[in-house]
């Protein structure tokens, strides 16, 4: 149970790891089926599958898996013939990668943001909501999310961004939307979207272009956000946006 608690803590912190489980053994082996070990990206271990050469082999295989696009690997080893161990048995170990969940930052805490955050949580995103309005940015409105009560533009400027970051701009104010996007345009991200009509998106692009934004940077912006499903209510709009987030997460190129 301690190992499961450790895995839950790693998931909560967003740290990737590999779970190695002995699923079959024959002859003399240091561990039997059901034994588990967690391998972190830095090579540190939790639990054990036997120590010695077999554990080193699993460690190396797990670190390779963390760097590969595949999610699982099966490792079958004869301890004496392949590793020179005196045990003489065979072990089959199943390796399963648990990647860090993607981080969605929602700028603004209005009605669409509330529905968006709840749905994104349900499909595996870690969600952060940023809004300076005390009556809107509350833990009660956004259960399970990280809620930051600060200026969205200031937060956007302080972010570093990464290939696992998703940004959705849904503030209550058009100039604030623009300030947030200007701060995010130079940051790496998997997704950058702004809520609004097509007319707003066109005006937005013109203002950003006049402010000196490069065309390739502007092409990163998804606005209007979401897949075209003729959504009207905040909940329907959230469905369309999260569908586009999932589309990007699964490696599909969204529409321009």
Protein backbone atom coordinates (compact mmCIF):
# COMPACT_ATOMS: atom_id res chain seq x y z
CA UNK A 1 0.00 0.00 0.00
CA UNK A 2 2.94 2.36 0.59
CA UNK A 3 3.96 1.91 -3.05
CA UNK A 4 0.47 2.78 -4.26
CA UNK A 5 0.50 5.87 -2.05
CA UNK A 6 3.84 6.83 -3.56
CA UNK A 7 2.44 6.41 -7.09
CA UNK A 8 -0.58 8.55 -6.20
CA UNK A 9 1.78 11.26 -4.92
CA UNK A 10 3.81 11.12 -8.14
CA UNK A 11 0.66 11.48 -10.24
CA UNK A 12 -0.48 14.41 -8.10
CA UNK A 13 2.89 16.13 -8.61
CA UNK A 14 2.85 15.40 -12.33
CA UNK A 15 6.06 13.33 -12.28
CA UNK A 16 6.38 10.61 -14.95
CA UNK A 17 7.36 7.11 -13.87
CA UNK A 18 7.37 3.46 -14.95
CA UNK A 19 5.66 0.73 -12.97
CA UNK A 20 7.48 -2.60 -13.30
CA UNK A 21 5.48 -5.70 -12.29
CA UNK A 22 6.70 -9.29 -12.21
CA UNK A 23 3.94 -11.17 -14.05
CA UNK A 24 5.57 -14.59 -14.40
CA UNK A 25 8.49 -16.50 -12.92
CA UNK A 26 9.91 -20.00 -13.24
CA UNK A 27 12.60 -21.72 -11.21
CA UNK A 28 14.64 -19.87 -8.65
CA UNK A 29 14.05 -16.10 -8.84
CA UNK A 30 14.58 -13.28 -6.34
CA UNK A 31 10.94 -12.13 -6.59
CA UNK A 32 7.68 -13.81 -7.53
CA UNK A 33 4.67 -12.64 -9.61
CA UNK A 34 3.00 -9.55 -8.19
CA UNK A 35 6.22 -7.89 -7.03
CA UNK A 36 6.37 -4.26 -8.13
CA UNK A 37 8.89 -1.48 -8.50
CA UNK A 38 8.52 2.16 -9.55
CA UNK A 39 11.27 3.78 -11.62
CA UNK A 40 11.47 7.58 -11.81
CA UNK A 41 13.04 9.62 -14.59
CA UNK A 42 16.14 10.32 -12.50
CA UNK A 43 16.70 6.58 -11.95
CA UNK A 44 15.54 6.50 -8.35
CA UNK A 45 13.48 3.47 -7.31
CA UNK A 46 10.51 2.68 -5.09
CA UNK A 47 9.95 -0.96 -4.17
CA UNK A 48 11.99 -3.85 -5.59
CA UNK A 49 11.83 -6.70 -8.06
CA UNK A 50 14.86 -8.54 -6.78
CA UNK A 51 17.96 -6.34 -6.78
CA UNK A 52 21.23 -7.05 -8.52
CA UNK A 53 21.56 -7.46 -12.28
CA UNK A 54 17.85 -8.02 -12.95
CA UNK A 55 16.93 -4.78 -11.21
CA UNK A 56 19.60 -2.89 -13.15
CA UNK A 57 18.26 -4.34 -16.41
CA UNK A 58 14.72 -3.25 -15.52
CA UNK A 59 15.95 0.21 -14.50
CA UNK A 60 17.65 0.70 -17.88
CA UNK A 61 14.61 -0.61 -19.77
CA UNK A 62 12.30 1.68 -17.79
CA UNK A 63 14.37 4.77 -18.51
CA UNK A 64 14.39 3.89 -22.21
CA UNK A 65 10.61 3.53 -22.09
CA UNK A 66 10.22 6.96 -20.48
CA UNK A 67 12.07 8.48 -23.44
CA UNK A 68 10.14 6.50 -26.08
CA UNK A 69 6.70 7.16 -27.60
CA UNK A 70 5.42 3.68 -26.65
CA UNK A 71 3.58 3.12 -23.38
CA UNK A 72 4.45 -0.47 -22.41
CA UNK A 73 7.15 -3.09 -22.75
CA UNK A 74 7.47 -6.76 -21.85
CA UNK A 75 10.86 -7.91 -20.55
CA UNK A 76 11.61 -11.66 -20.50
CA UNK A 77 14.94 -12.67 -18.95
CA UNK A 78 16.80 -15.89 -18.07
CA UNK A 79 18.71 -14.83 -14.99
CA UNK A 80 21.71 -17.12 -15.47
CA UNK A 81 22.11 -17.24 -19.26
CA UNK A 82 21.52 -13.55 -19.86
CA UNK A 83 22.58 -11.85 -16.64
CA UNK A 84 25.00 -14.29 -15.04
CA UNK A 85 22.97 -14.52 -11.84
CA UNK A 86 23.19 -17.71 -9.82
CA UNK A 87 19.40 -18.02 -9.34
CA UNK A 88 18.90 -19.95 -12.57
CA UNK A 89 15.25 -19.06 -13.13
CA UNK A 90 13.26 -16.94 -15.56
CA UNK A 91 11.35 -13.72 -14.95
CA UNK A 92 8.85 -11.85 -17.10
CA UNK A 93 8.32 -8.21 -16.15
CA UNK A 94 5.67 -5.88 -17.52
CA UNK A 95 6.70 -2.22 -17.78
CA UNK A 96 3.99 0.43 -17.93
CA UNK A 97 4.73 4.13 -18.41
CA UNK A 98 2.73 6.70 -16.50
CA UNK A 99 3.36 10.10 -18.06
CA UNK A 100 2.85 13.43 -16.40
CA UNK A 101 -0.68 14.65 -17.19
CA UNK A 102 -0.84 17.70 -19.46
CA UNK A 103 -1.28 21.04 -17.72
CA UNK A 104 -4.23 23.21 -18.74
CA UNK A 105 -4.17 26.82 -17.58
CA UNK A 106 -7.50 28.62 -17.89
CA UNK A 107 -7.23 32.41 -17.77
CA UNK A 108 -10.52 33.69 -16.39
CA UNK A 109 -13.02 32.11 -14.01
CA UNK A 110 -16.36 32.79 -15.66
CA UNK A 111 -19.17 30.43 -16.64
CA UNK A 112 -17.38 28.85 -19.62
CA UNK A 113 -14.20 28.48 -17.58
CA UNK A 114 -16.11 26.66 -14.84
CA UNK A 115 -17.59 24.11 -17.28
CA UNK A 116 -14.28 23.84 -19.17
CA UNK A 117 -12.24 23.14 -16.04
CA UNK A 118 -14.62 20.43 -14.81
CA UNK A 119 -14.68 18.62 -18.14
CA UNK A 120 -10.92 18.90 -18.67
CA UNK A 121 -10.32 17.33 -15.26
CA UNK A 122 -12.51 14.38 -16.24
CA UNK A 123 -10.43 13.65 -19.34
CA UNK A 124 -7.08 13.71 -17.56
CA UNK A 125 -5.79 17.29 -17.57
CA UNK A 126 -4.34 19.00 -14.55
CA UNK A 127 -6.20 22.30 -14.40
CA UNK A 128 -5.11 25.68 -13.11
CA UNK A 129 -7.54 28.63 -13.10
CA UNK A 130 -6.23 32.20 -12.89
CA UNK A 131 -8.46 35.20 -12.14
CA UNK A 132 -8.04 38.25 -9.89
CA UNK A 133 -11.74 38.43 -8.96
CA UNK A 134 -12.23 37.02 -5.46
CA UNK A 135 -15.89 36.21 -5.97
CA UNK A 136 -15.18 34.12 -9.09
CA UNK A 137 -11.81 32.46 -8.39
CA UNK A 138 -12.79 30.13 -5.55
CA UNK A 139 -12.08 26.52 -4.71
CA UNK A 140 -15.82 25.92 -4.40
CA UNK A 141 -16.41 26.90 -8.03
CA UNK A 142 -13.44 24.87 -9.25
CA UNK A 143 -13.16 21.65 -7.20
CA UNK A 144 -10.05 19.62 -7.98
CA UNK A 145 -8.33 22.56 -9.68
CA UNK A 146 -5.48 24.80 -8.65
CA UNK A 147 -7.07 28.24 -8.26
CA UNK A 148 -4.81 31.30 -8.34
CA UNK A 149 -6.29 34.66 -7.39
CA UNK A 150 -3.98 36.94 -9.35
CA UNK A 151 -3.92 39.04 -12.49
CA UNK A 152 -4.08 36.71 -15.54
CA UNK A 153 -1.70 38.85 -17.60
CA UNK A 154 0.89 38.94 -14.81
CA UNK A 155 0.64 35.17 -14.44
CA UNK A 156 1.02 34.69 -18.19
CA UNK A 157 4.18 36.80 -18.22
CA UNK A 158 5.71 34.74 -15.41
CA UNK A 159 5.04 31.36 -17.06
CA UNK A 160 7.81 29.50 -18.85
CA UNK A 161 5.58 27.19 -20.88
CA UNK A 162 6.39 23.75 -22.27
CA UNK A 163 5.26 21.25 -24.88
CA UNK A 164 2.81 19.83 -22.31
CA UNK A 165 1.16 23.17 -21.54
CA UNK A 166 -2.30 24.07 -22.84
CA UNK A 167 -3.54 27.64 -22.53
CA UNK A 168 -7.19 28.72 -22.79
CA UNK A 169 -7.91 32.44 -22.54
CA UNK A 170 -11.45 33.13 -21.32
CA UNK A 171 -11.27 36.34 -19.30
CA UNK A 172 -14.13 38.78 -18.82
CA UNK A 173 -12.37 41.61 -20.65
CA UNK A 174 -11.15 41.84 -24.28
CA UNK A 175 -8.09 44.02 -23.51
CA UNK A 176 -7.15 41.57 -20.77
CA UNK A 177 -7.50 38.70 -23.25
CA UNK A 178 -5.10 40.52 -25.55
CA UNK A 179 -2.59 41.19 -22.77
CA UNK A 180 -2.61 37.52 -21.80
CA UNK A 181 -2.13 36.36 -25.39
CA UNK A 182 0.68 38.86 -26.01
CA UNK A 183 2.45 37.42 -22.96
CA UNK A 184 1.91 33.83 -24.13
CA UNK A 185 2.80 34.16 -27.81
CA UNK A 186 6.52 33.67 -27.19
CA UNK A 187 6.04 30.75 -24.76
CA UNK A 188 6.23 27.12 -25.87
CA UNK A 189 2.86 25.37 -25.63
CA UNK A 190 0.88 22.55 -27.17
CA UNK A 191 -2.19 24.76 -27.48
CA UNK A 192 -3.09 28.44 -27.24
CA UNK A 193 -6.76 29.34 -27.65
CA UNK A 194 -8.90 32.42 -27.13
CA UNK A 195 -12.66 32.39 -26.63
CA UNK A 196 -14.83 34.62 -28.79
CA UNK A 197 -16.57 35.09 -32.10
CA UNK A 198 -14.93 34.93 -35.50
CA UNK A 199 -15.23 38.72 -35.74
CA UNK A 200 -13.42 39.11 -32.42
CA UNK A 201 -10.71 36.74 -33.62
CA UNK A 202 -10.15 38.81 -36.77
CA UNK A 203 -9.88 42.05 -34.81
CA UNK A 204 -7.65 40.36 -32.28
CA UNK A 205 -5.27 39.23 -35.01
CA UNK A 206 -5.16 42.72 -36.53
CA UNK A 207 -4.30 44.31 -33.17
CA UNK A 208 -1.60 41.75 -32.42
CA UNK A 209 -0.16 42.16 -35.91
CA UNK A 210 -0.08 45.94 -35.45
CA UNK A 211 1.72 45.38 -32.13
CA UNK A 212 4.48 43.52 -34.00
CA UNK A 213 3.50 39.87 -33.62
CA UNK A 214 4.97 37.63 -36.31
CA UNK A 215 2.57 35.79 -38.67
CA UNK A 216 3.85 32.38 -37.56
CA UNK A 217 3.17 33.31 -33.93
CA UNK A 218 -0.35 34.45 -34.79
CA UNK A 219 -0.98 31.17 -36.60
CA UNK A 220 -0.59 29.36 -33.26
CA UNK A 221 -3.72 30.99 -31.86
CA UNK A 222 -6.95 28.98 -31.98
CA UNK A 223 -9.79 31.48 -32.08
CA UNK A 224 -12.64 30.89 -31.96
CA UNK A 225 -11.63 28.05 -29.64
CA UNK A 226 -13.11 24.61 -29.97
CA UNK A 227 -14.47 22.32 -32.67
CA UNK A 228 -17.33 23.71 -34.80
CA UNK A 229 -20.37 22.01 -33.23
CA UNK A 230 -22.64 25.12 -33.11
CA UNK A 231 -22.31 25.26 -29.31
CA UNK A 232 -24.40 27.86 -27.46
CA UNK A 233 -24.41 27.20 -23.71
CA UNK A 234 -21.28 27.37 -21.50
CA UNK A 235 -21.42 23.60 -21.13
CA UNK A 236 -21.67 23.03 -24.90
CA UNK A 237 -18.82 25.49 -25.53
CA UNK A 238 -16.73 23.60 -22.97
CA UNK A 239 -17.41 20.34 -24.83
CA UNK A 240 -16.20 21.88 -28.10
CA UNK A 241 -13.03 23.29 -26.49
CA UNK A 242 -12.11 20.12 -24.60
CA UNK A 243 -12.69 18.08 -27.77
CA UNK A 244 -10.09 20.25 -29.50
CA UNK A 245 -7.69 19.88 -26.56
CA UNK A 246 -8.02 16.10 -26.76
CA UNK A 247 -7.52 16.26 -30.53
CA UNK A 248 -4.21 18.05 -30.01
CA UNK A 249 -3.18 15.75 -27.13
CA UNK A 250 -3.74 12.71 -29.36
CA UNK A 251 -1.43 14.13 -32.01
CA UNK A 252 -4.04 15.37 -34.48
CA UNK A 253 -3.56 18.75 -36.12
CA UNK A 254 -6.55 21.00 -35.34
CA UNK A 255 -8.13 23.17 -37.99
CA UNK A 256 -6.60 26.60 -38.61
